Amino acid sequence: MSRIKILKKVDAVLGIVGAALLPSARERQHGEIKRILVIRPGGIGDAVLLVPALNALKSRYPDAEVTVLAERRNAAAFALAPAVAKVLLYDEASPLAEAVRGSYDLVIDTEQWHRLSAIVARLAGAPVSVGFATNNRKRLFAHRIPYSHERYEVESFFDLLSPLGIEQPGSLEIPFLTVPEAAAAKAADLLPAGRPYLAIFPGASIPERRWGMERFRRVADHLSLRGLSIVVVGGEEDAEEGAYIVKWCGGTNLAGKTTLAETAAVIARSLLLVSGDSGVLHLAVGLGIPTVSLFGPGIEAKWGPRGEFDLVLNKKLACSPCTRFGTTPACREKARCLTDIAPNEVVDAVMTVLDRRFPA
């Protein structure tokens, strides 16, 4: 059984009981805030979109040490956030215990639904604690913040900073991610010299969000005929699809060959990223790279890129979006909300964004 499934099963039993039995939290008298714990379990997308709030937090408390408690699957994202001094793992016993014993002045739990993270926040015993009030987890925070599915996730994370007097910016500062120098150098070595390229990420965290390698191949072939070079990015699980996508267009398949930071470096040098609703999509947003994204089960209002050079393709069928609190139900329509998007629509969207970004 995967770590993710184990955590969800434990939360479904111990989380509910623990959230009900632990004493309610109240803000206590405190001095200067010097040690901050931010809890962020979950996937890469949430981690990336949390970074603007982390940057604001560090700006408000420049002398404070910011520690993030993350899962193994999203911890690498915080290498792109210089505001973070230390990362501990939520799904390993020893680092989790270290977080609970950390003597923090402020704990912010950014998890939206599950209760285990709220229990960790309560056990940490910080005089100031903040979290989302989505169920009985709210008892465990001194400051309880409403949460909406229709609010952009970056804005929801900034809501958690409101008790600290940190105001949400009028516009998102782009880029908000920083690529480490070593990762940038490795990307430069892996990439073909010369021609500008488009990046394609064919992966997704669940099958319902996968558009399919045949559709991505057709997009790559059409764009190649228009003189554009293609680079596929992704993890080891995407390597086979990546090889298929570039087989006939002469592109480069880097899926499974780069770390997350190196993937970010590859995207940072690209003209544009084509991707489904994924954590990698948000890497491009955080790096200021234009995107064409495909949405179906996921909530566009919450997760869709909204920059001047971002274009979201969404059929907006009556049954979509269907994802709530990170859970997507089994689809009787074989994710038609996503697969009804045709390759030629994606090609046209790419050319529209490139023409807008690089006018003749």
Foldseek 3Di string as FASTA:
>chain_A
DDLVVVVVVCLVPVLVVLLVPDAFAAADDDDDFAEEEEEDEDAQQLVLLLQLVLVLVCVVVVNHAYEYAYAPRHQVSCVQRPSHDYYFYPSDPPSLVCQLCVAGQEYEYEQADGRPSLSSQQSSPHSAYFYEPPDSSQRSHNHYFHDDQLAASSVVSVSRCVVVVRDDDPDRDPQSTHQDPVLLVVLVVQADPDAAAEEEEQDAPDQLQGLDLVLLLVLLQVVLVVVHAYEYEAAPVCQVSQCVSCVPSVHHYCHNPHDPSNLLSNLLRHQEYEEEQHSSQSSNVNNVHAYEYEDFQGDCSHRNDDDPLYHYDWPPDPCPNQDDSNDHDDDPVSSCRGNVDGSVNSNVSVVVSSCVVPPD
